[in-house]
């Protein structure tokens, strides 16, 4: 029964993508229905309409029209440089990113201080075009015309209280264009549809919840049969096996839907004590604006209600299914000394933003794992595929050409592939 429901859901998920493509194709379809090359088409109107439009065209003077409509702007005609109606991006002043590069937090551990100083020393302003989905959200995010030192001094997480205006402190990778929809998660990929993910995901979780209740009811005891006899329920092992199969199917369907709707971001999560959070955040922020980590990062400000509460830092990657990229970011965090391996070392975890949007947290009612990967699992993945992960790191470090390739790959990846 539930296998058939899962197939129904897959068709439902695919309909989102198909419907989206049909909506995009609709203008072309309407155009074809009224083909201007067809002599019988009424695309141009009747003979009187055509004659009237031809007369207006013959009498039209572009220069006169421009001067009459925009008399105060006649010196800046459409043919003037920079006034063709296209968007001209304001670039930050030269040196804005590298001002005050000598700042080092004195309380930072020696290794972290050294790494932070090295990151600052390599910041450059030669990149011709920068992006910031958080531009305008001055209260809680770094701005393009703001140096990294000014940003870190303005919003130190250990001394910045959480408010409605500052739910998080954000910084974006300026080399990768993204859209800001006001979400508290990663800046959205262009074309992402979070609302449909929430609607479709809620439906799938409801189906899985119904299945859980049915299985538990059957396993609760004997089932009555005709003539007063009884039949024992399924064994515990059989129930457990069936639950795992259905759980895996539910997770795969949710991730499939997220990919199809371009809600593909995810994050590595660090929980940092207040006495160290400013230093760790400085390292993460610097690496983010240098394109050494992911698409963005955020840190929780101070919770005045709970003194000593750890700060959550999220480092976002562009696609939860790209394990090479997920592994690359983890490798960087290890190099920075923020993640350790070995017996007794604390793991960190990676979570898809789709799970956050759907409310899948720890101890959720469906018994689903709240994270996709642990650091130990990804370190094992790196060990098994060292050359692949190393190549991912190398490609990221090759400069402008590699950055353009990363952006192109991200834009071309339309969520194809339905399983993980």
Protein backbone atom coordinates (compact mmCIF):
# COMPACT_ATOMS: atom_id res chain seq x y z
CA UNK A 1 0.00 0.00 0.00
CA UNK A 2 2.62 2.49 1.05
CA UNK A 3 4.87 1.60 -1.84
CA UNK A 4 2.03 2.66 -4.14
CA UNK A 5 1.55 5.85 -2.11
CA UNK A 6 5.24 6.56 -2.50
CA UNK A 7 4.89 6.21 -6.27
CA UNK A 8 1.94 8.61 -6.15
CA UNK A 9 4.10 11.08 -4.27
CA UNK A 10 6.88 10.78 -6.84
CA UNK A 11 4.38 11.61 -9.59
CA UNK A 12 3.17 14.49 -7.43
CA UNK A 13 6.75 15.75 -7.04
CA UNK A 14 7.46 15.45 -10.75
CA UNK A 15 4.30 17.43 -11.48
CA UNK A 16 5.86 20.39 -9.70
CA UNK A 17 8.74 20.36 -12.17
CA UNK A 18 6.53 19.66 -15.18
CA UNK A 19 4.10 22.41 -14.17
CA UNK A 20 6.96 24.84 -13.75
CA UNK A 21 8.29 24.03 -17.23
CA UNK A 22 4.82 24.40 -18.75
CA UNK A 23 4.40 27.81 -17.13
CA UNK A 24 7.74 28.86 -18.58
CA UNK A 25 6.72 27.55 -22.00
CA UNK A 26 3.25 29.15 -21.94
CA UNK A 27 4.29 32.44 -23.62
CA UNK A 28 5.94 30.49 -26.45
CA UNK A 29 2.84 28.33 -26.85
CA UNK A 30 0.60 31.40 -27.03
CA UNK A 31 2.92 32.90 -29.62
CA UNK A 32 2.72 29.81 -31.79
CA UNK A 33 -1.07 29.83 -31.61
CA UNK A 34 -1.00 33.30 -33.19
CA UNK A 35 1.86 32.98 -35.69
CA UNK A 36 2.70 36.43 -37.19
CA UNK A 37 4.16 34.71 -40.28
CA UNK A 38 0.78 33.17 -41.04
CA UNK A 39 -1.04 35.35 -43.62
CA UNK A 40 -4.37 34.37 -42.07
CA UNK A 41 -3.28 35.30 -38.56
CA UNK A 42 -4.86 38.30 -36.79
CA UNK A 43 -1.60 38.94 -34.96
CA UNK A 44 -1.22 42.37 -36.67
CA UNK A 45 -4.90 43.35 -36.46
CA UNK A 46 -7.15 44.22 -39.38
CA UNK A 47 -6.19 46.45 -42.34
CA UNK A 48 -7.17 49.69 -40.55
CA UNK A 49 -5.03 48.78 -37.52
CA UNK A 50 -2.05 47.99 -39.72
CA UNK A 51 -2.39 51.26 -41.68
CA UNK A 52 -2.69 53.30 -38.47
CA UNK A 53 0.41 51.70 -36.92
CA UNK A 54 2.44 52.21 -40.11
CA UNK A 55 1.53 55.92 -40.12
CA UNK A 56 2.58 56.27 -36.46
CA UNK A 57 5.85 54.51 -37.18
CA UNK A 58 6.67 56.79 -40.11
CA UNK A 59 6.05 59.90 -37.99
CA UNK A 60 7.97 58.71 -34.93
CA UNK A 61 11.15 60.66 -34.05
CA UNK A 62 13.13 58.90 -31.24
CA UNK A 63 15.26 61.95 -30.34
CA UNK A 64 12.24 64.22 -30.06
CA UNK A 65 10.36 61.63 -28.01
CA UNK A 66 13.24 61.29 -25.56
CA UNK A 67 13.66 65.06 -25.08
CA UNK A 68 9.94 65.59 -24.53
CA UNK A 69 9.51 62.69 -22.11
CA UNK A 70 12.71 63.24 -20.10
CA UNK A 71 13.67 66.92 -20.52
CA UNK A 72 15.81 66.97 -17.36
CA UNK A 73 17.76 63.91 -18.51
CA UNK A 74 18.41 64.86 -22.14
CA UNK A 75 22.14 64.85 -21.48
CA UNK A 76 21.87 61.17 -20.61
CA UNK A 77 20.14 59.67 -23.62
CA UNK A 78 19.74 55.91 -24.09
CA UNK A 79 22.80 55.93 -26.28
CA UNK A 80 24.96 57.44 -23.54
CA UNK A 81 27.37 55.14 -21.76
CA UNK A 82 25.84 53.51 -18.72
CA UNK A 83 22.31 54.77 -19.48
CA UNK A 84 20.98 51.97 -21.63
CA UNK A 85 18.52 50.83 -19.00
CA UNK A 86 20.80 48.07 -17.83
CA UNK A 87 21.65 47.67 -14.17
CA UNK A 88 25.01 49.15 -13.23
CA UNK A 89 26.40 47.56 -10.08
CA UNK A 90 28.06 49.81 -7.51
CA UNK A 91 31.44 48.45 -6.61
CA UNK A 92 32.97 48.97 -3.18
CA UNK A 93 35.77 51.45 -2.83
CA UNK A 94 39.23 50.04 -3.49
CA UNK A 95 40.69 48.55 -0.38
CA UNK A 96 37.35 48.34 1.47
CA UNK A 97 37.76 44.62 2.08
CA UNK A 98 41.37 44.89 3.19
CA UNK A 99 41.24 47.83 5.58
CA UNK A 100 42.80 47.31 9.02
CA UNK A 101 44.12 43.88 8.13
CA UNK A 102 46.40 43.83 11.15
CA UNK A 103 43.56 43.25 13.62
CA UNK A 104 43.95 40.01 15.58
CA UNK A 105 41.78 39.10 18.54
CA UNK A 106 44.25 38.84 21.44
CA UNK A 107 42.31 36.11 23.21
CA UNK A 108 42.39 33.75 20.23
CA UNK A 109 44.46 30.57 20.42
CA UNK A 110 47.83 31.01 18.72
CA UNK A 111 47.04 28.72 15.79
CA UNK A 112 43.69 30.41 15.15
CA UNK A 113 45.25 33.88 15.36
CA UNK A 114 47.87 32.86 12.81
CA UNK A 115 45.27 31.43 10.44
CA UNK A 116 43.03 34.52 10.74
CA UNK A 117 45.94 36.85 10.00
CA UNK A 118 46.92 34.74 6.99
CA UNK A 119 43.38 34.88 5.62
CA UNK A 120 43.25 38.66 5.96
CA UNK A 121 46.59 39.07 4.23
CA UNK A 122 45.29 37.30 1.11
CA UNK A 123 42.09 39.31 0.65
CA UNK A 124 42.06 41.12 -2.69
CA UNK A 125 39.75 43.65 -4.30
CA UNK A 126 40.65 42.90 -7.92
CA UNK A 127 37.51 40.84 -8.58
CA UNK A 128 35.44 42.84 -11.10
CA UNK A 129 31.98 41.89 -9.84
CA UNK A 130 30.85 41.07 -6.32
CA UNK A 131 27.45 39.94 -5.07
CA UNK A 132 25.69 40.20 -1.73
CA UNK A 133 22.19 38.79 -1.24
CA UNK A 134 22.18 40.43 2.21
CA UNK A 135 22.82 43.93 0.85
CA UNK A 136 20.50 46.34 2.63
CA UNK A 137 20.12 44.16 5.73
CA UNK A 138 22.59 46.40 7.52
CA UNK A 139 21.50 45.55 11.05
CA UNK A 140 22.54 41.90 10.85
CA UNK A 141 24.75 41.31 7.79
CA UNK A 142 28.01 42.38 6.19
CA UNK A 143 27.64 44.92 3.38
CA UNK A 144 29.74 45.14 0.24
CA UNK A 145 31.13 48.57 1.09
CA UNK A 146 32.09 47.44 4.60
CA UNK A 147 35.51 46.06 5.47
CA UNK A 148 35.67 42.69 7.16
CA UNK A 149 37.25 44.26 10.25
CA UNK A 150 34.47 46.82 10.53
CA UNK A 151 31.85 44.09 10.20
CA UNK A 152 33.45 41.86 12.84
CA UNK A 153 33.84 44.80 15.24
CA UNK A 154 30.28 46.00 14.63
CA UNK A 155 28.59 42.65 15.25
CA UNK A 156 30.69 40.46 17.59
CA UNK A 157 28.41 37.49 18.38
CA UNK A 158 29.51 37.24 22.02
CA UNK A 159 28.34 40.81 22.72
CA UNK A 160 25.48 41.25 20.25
CA UNK A 161 22.09 40.43 21.72
CA UNK A 162 19.52 38.57 19.65
CA UNK A 163 16.61 40.82 18.63
CA UNK A 164 13.89 40.86 15.97
CA UNK A 165 16.27 42.83 13.76
CA UNK A 166 19.24 40.57 14.55
CA UNK A 167 18.00 36.95 14.67
CA UNK A 168 21.36 35.89 13.18
CA UNK A 169 24.56 37.53 11.98
CA UNK A 170 25.14 36.79 8.29
CA UNK A 171 27.92 36.93 5.73
CA UNK A 172 27.71 35.84 2.08
CA UNK A 173 30.28 34.53 -0.38
CA UNK A 174 30.57 37.55 -2.71
CA UNK A 175 31.64 35.44 -5.69
CA UNK A 176 28.44 33.40 -6.03
CA UNK A 177 25.19 35.23 -6.92
CA UNK A 178 22.20 34.28 -4.82
CA UNK A 179 18.71 35.59 -4.06
CA UNK A 180 17.66 36.85 -0.63
CA UNK A 181 14.02 36.14 0.16
CA UNK A 182 14.34 37.18 3.81
CA UNK A 183 14.73 33.60 4.99
CA UNK A 184 16.87 32.78 8.02
CA UNK A 185 18.51 29.95 6.08
CA UNK A 186 21.03 30.17 3.23
CA UNK A 187 20.42 32.69 0.44
CA UNK A 188 18.19 30.92 -2.04
CA UNK A 189 19.21 29.57 -5.40
CA UNK A 190 17.52 31.46 -8.24
CA UNK A 191 14.36 29.55 -9.13
CA UNK A 192 14.00 27.88 -5.72
CA UNK A 193 10.45 27.25 -4.51
CA UNK A 194 10.47 26.79 -0.74
CA UNK A 195 6.70 27.11 -0.44
CA UNK A 196 6.05 24.12 -2.70
CA UNK A 197 8.70 22.16 -0.82
CA UNK A 198 6.89 22.82 2.45
CA UNK A 199 3.52 21.87 0.96
CA UNK A 200 4.71 18.71 -0.78
CA UNK A 201 7.01 17.70 2.07
CA UNK A 202 4.23 18.06 4.63
CA UNK A 203 2.05 15.77 2.52
CA UNK A 204 4.78 13.12 2.34
CA UNK A 205 5.45 13.32 6.08
CA UNK A 206 1.74 12.94 6.75
CA UNK A 207 1.69 9.78 4.62
CA UNK A 208 4.67 8.42 6.55
CA UNK A 209 3.06 9.32 9.88
CA UNK A 210 -0.11 7.42 8.93
CA UNK A 211 1.99 4.39 8.03
CA UNK A 212 3.82 4.58 11.38
CA UNK A 213 0.56 4.59 13.32
CA UNK A 214 -0.79 1.65 11.32
CA UNK A 215 2.35 -0.43 11.86
CA UNK A 216 2.45 0.33 15.58
CA UNK A 217 -1.23 -0.54 15.94
CA UNK A 218 -0.65 -3.92 14.28
CA UNK A 219 2.37 -4.61 16.45
CA UNK A 220 0.57 -3.67 19.66
CA UNK A 221 -1.03 -7.08 20.12
CA UNK A 222 -3.11 -9.90 18.69
CA UNK A 223 -5.71 -9.23 16.03
CA UNK A 224 -9.20 -10.79 16.45
CA UNK A 225 -10.32 -13.26 13.81
CA UNK A 226 -13.74 -14.85 13.11
CA UNK A 227 -15.08 -17.61 15.45
CA UNK A 228 -13.20 -16.23 18.47
CA UNK A 229 -9.68 -17.19 17.30
CA UNK A 230 -6.75 -14.80 17.37
CA UNK A 231 -3.71 -14.14 15.21
CA UNK A 232 -0.44 -12.79 16.50
CA UNK A 233 0.89 -9.55 15.07
CA UNK A 234 4.08 -9.36 13.00
CA UNK A 235 7.35 -10.03 14.75
CA UNK A 236 9.42 -7.16 16.12
CA UNK A 237 12.13 -7.86 13.53
CA UNK A 238 9.63 -7.71 10.68
CA UNK A 239 8.18 -4.45 11.96
CA UNK A 240 11.63 -2.92 12.35
CA UNK A 241 12.64 -3.96 8.83
CA UNK A 242 9.46 -2.53 7.32
CA UNK A 243 9.89 0.74 9.21
CA UNK A 244 13.44 1.17 7.94
CA UNK A 245 12.32 0.55 4.36
CA UNK A 246 9.49 3.07 4.62
CA UNK A 247 11.71 5.58 6.44
CA UNK A 248 14.35 5.39 3.70
CA UNK A 249 11.66 5.87 1.06
CA UNK A 250 10.29 8.92 2.85
CA UNK A 251 13.74 10.52 3.19
CA UNK A 252 14.55 9.87 -0.46
CA UNK A 253 11.25 11.38 -1.58
CA UNK A 254 11.83 14.52 0.51
CA UNK A 255 15.34 15.01 -0.84
CA UNK A 256 14.15 14.29 -4.37
CA UNK A 257 11.51 16.99 -4.01
CA UNK A 258 14.04 19.46 -2.58
CA UNK A 259 16.36 18.86 -5.54
CA UNK A 260 13.54 19.28 -8.07
CA UNK A 261 12.49 22.58 -6.47
CA UNK A 262 16.09 23.84 -6.19
CA UNK A 263 16.11 23.95 -2.39
CA UNK A 264 19.50 22.26 -2.31
CA UNK A 265 21.53 24.12 0.29
CA UNK A 266 22.71 22.54 3.52
CA UNK A 267 25.00 23.44 6.40
CA UNK A 268 27.75 22.19 8.64
CA UNK A 269 26.90 23.16 12.22
CA UNK A 270 29.39 24.21 14.90
CA UNK A 271 28.41 24.82 18.53
CA UNK A 272 30.92 27.22 20.07
CA UNK A 273 31.22 28.47 23.69
CA UNK A 274 30.84 32.26 24.16
CA UNK A 275 34.49 32.73 25.13
CA UNK A 276 35.66 31.39 21.74
CA UNK A 277 32.84 32.34 19.37
CA UNK A 278 34.27 35.69 18.23
CA UNK A 279 37.54 34.09 17.17
CA UNK A 280 35.94 31.13 15.43
CA UNK A 281 33.41 33.37 13.69
CA UNK A 282 36.20 35.66 12.45
CA UNK A 283 37.93 32.69 10.82
CA UNK A 284 34.71 31.40 9.24
CA UNK A 285 33.68 34.87 8.00
CA UNK A 286 37.08 35.56 6.44
CA UNK A 287 37.17 32.17 4.71
CA UNK A 288 33.63 32.69 3.41
CA UNK A 289 34.36 36.00 1.68
CA UNK A 290 37.47 34.41 0.15
CA UNK A 291 35.41 31.56 -1.34
CA UNK A 292 37.22 28.97 0.78
CA UNK A 293 34.02 27.57 2.29
CA UNK A 294 30.47 27.71 0.95
CA UNK A 295 27.81 30.13 -0.29
CA UNK A 296 27.26 31.85 3.07
CA UNK A 297 27.62 31.55 6.84
CA UNK A 298 25.76 32.75 9.91
CA UNK A 299 26.23 32.80 13.68
CA UNK A 300 23.70 33.04 16.48
CA UNK A 301 23.99 36.25 18.52
CA UNK A 302 24.02 36.23 22.31
CA UNK A 303 20.89 34.94 24.04
CA UNK A 304 20.53 37.27 27.03
CA UNK A 305 18.02 34.90 28.64
CA UNK A 306 20.50 32.01 28.88
CA UNK A 307 23.97 33.13 30.03
CA UNK A 308 26.76 30.90 28.75
CA UNK A 309 24.67 29.34 25.98
CA UNK A 310 26.71 28.02 23.05
CA UNK A 311 26.52 29.87 19.74
CA UNK A 312 25.51 27.95 16.62
CA UNK A 313 27.58 28.70 13.52
CA UNK A 314 26.24 27.42 10.18
CA UNK A 315 28.50 27.09 7.13
CA UNK A 316 26.31 26.67 4.04
CA UNK A 317 27.16 24.61 0.95
CA UNK A 318 25.31 24.92 -2.33
CA UNK A 319 24.08 21.31 -2.72
CA UNK A 320 23.57 18.69 -0.02
CA UNK A 321 23.91 15.90 -2.59
CA UNK A 322 27.37 17.05 -3.77
CA UNK A 323 29.42 15.03 -1.31
CA UNK A 324 32.72 16.17 -2.80
CA UNK A 325 31.83 19.79 -2.05
CA UNK A 326 30.47 18.90 1.40
CA UNK A 327 33.73 17.04 2.07
CA UNK A 328 35.79 19.95 0.74
CA UNK A 329 34.21 22.37 3.23
CA UNK A 330 34.74 19.91 6.09
CA UNK A 331 38.39 19.55 5.09
CA UNK A 332 38.79 23.32 5.27
CA UNK A 333 37.22 23.42 8.71
CA UNK A 334 39.67 20.75 9.82
CA UNK A 335 42.59 22.79 8.44
CA UNK A 336 41.36 25.78 10.44
CA UNK A 337 41.43 23.66 13.60
CA UNK A 338 37.66 23.85 14.05
CA UNK A 339 37.03 20.12 13.60
CA UNK A 340 39.11 17.25 14.93
CA UNK A 341 39.23 13.55 14.18
CA UNK A 342 40.12 10.58 16.31
CA UNK A 343 38.71 8.69 19.29
CA UNK A 344 36.89 10.82 21.82
CA UNK A 345 36.70 13.87 19.54
CA UNK A 346 33.36 15.60 19.23
CA UNK A 347 31.63 15.19 15.87
CA UNK A 348 29.85 17.91 13.95
CA UNK A 349 26.83 17.36 11.73
CA UNK A 350 25.54 18.43 8.32
CA UNK A 351 21.84 19.18 7.80
CA UNK A 352 19.90 19.91 4.62
CA UNK A 353 17.98 23.19 4.72
CA UNK A 354 14.98 21.27 3.39
CA UNK A 355 14.86 19.45 6.74
CA UNK A 356 14.84 22.77 8.57
CA UNK A 357 12.02 24.13 6.43
CA UNK A 358 10.01 20.96 7.11
CA UNK A 359 10.60 21.04 10.87
CA UNK A 360 12.65 17.84 10.98
CA UNK A 361 14.66 18.35 14.16
CA UNK A 362 16.07 15.94 16.72
CA UNK A 363 13.42 13.78 18.40
CA UNK A 364 10.92 14.50 15.63
CA UNK A 365 7.62 12.55 15.62
CA UNK A 366 8.61 10.53 12.54
CA UNK A 367 11.83 9.18 14.03
CA UNK A 368 13.84 10.55 11.10
CA UNK A 369 17.49 11.39 11.49
CA UNK A 370 17.72 15.19 11.66
CA UNK A 371 21.14 15.38 9.98
CA UNK A 372 22.32 13.99 6.65
CA UNK A 373 25.98 13.41 7.49
CA UNK A 374 28.31 13.38 10.47
CA UNK A 375 31.91 14.56 10.25
CA UNK A 376 33.11 11.00 10.90
CA UNK A 377 31.07 9.71 7.96
CA UNK A 378 32.46 12.36 5.61
CA UNK A 379 36.02 11.86 6.84
CA UNK A 380 35.58 8.17 5.99
CA UNK A 381 34.27 9.22 2.58
CA UNK A 382 37.36 11.40 2.08
CA UNK A 383 39.62 8.51 3.08
CA UNK A 384 38.00 6.25 0.49
CA UNK A 385 38.13 8.89 -2.28
CA UNK A 386 41.12 11.13 -1.53
CA UNK A 387 41.84 12.08 -5.15
CA UNK A 388 38.26 13.15 -5.90
CA UNK A 389 37.99 15.35 -2.82
CA UNK A 390 41.49 16.75 -3.36
CA UNK A 391 40.53 17.72 -6.92
CA UNK A 392 37.43 19.49 -5.60
CA UNK A 393 39.63 21.51 -3.24
CA UNK A 394 42.14 22.28 -6.00
CA UNK A 395 39.46 23.45 -8.42
CA UNK A 396 38.09 25.80 -5.80
CA UNK A 397 41.52 27.40 -5.34
CA UNK A 398 42.43 28.12 -8.97
CA UNK A 399 41.04 31.65 -9.06
CA UNK A 400 38.56 33.42 -11.30
CA UNK A 401 38.29 30.68 -13.95
CA UNK A 402 37.51 28.06 -11.32
CA UNK A 403 34.97 30.37 -9.67
CA UNK A 404 33.19 30.91 -12.97
CA UNK A 405 33.11 27.15 -13.51
CA UNK A 406 31.62 26.60 -10.05
CA UNK A 407 28.93 29.20 -10.73
CA UNK A 408 28.17 27.75 -14.18
CA UNK A 409 27.88 24.23 -12.79
CA UNK A 410 25.54 25.46 -10.08
CA UNK A 411 23.34 27.30 -12.58
CA UNK A 412 23.22 24.35 -14.98
CA UNK A 413 22.38 21.79 -12.28
CA UNK A 414 18.59 21.65 -12.56
CA UNK A 415 18.05 18.99 -9.95
CA UNK A 416 18.23 16.06 -12.34
CA UNK A 417 18.37 12.67 -10.71
CA UNK A 418 15.77 11.38 -8.32
CA UNK A 419 17.65 9.19 -5.88
CA UNK A 420 20.47 9.67 -3.39
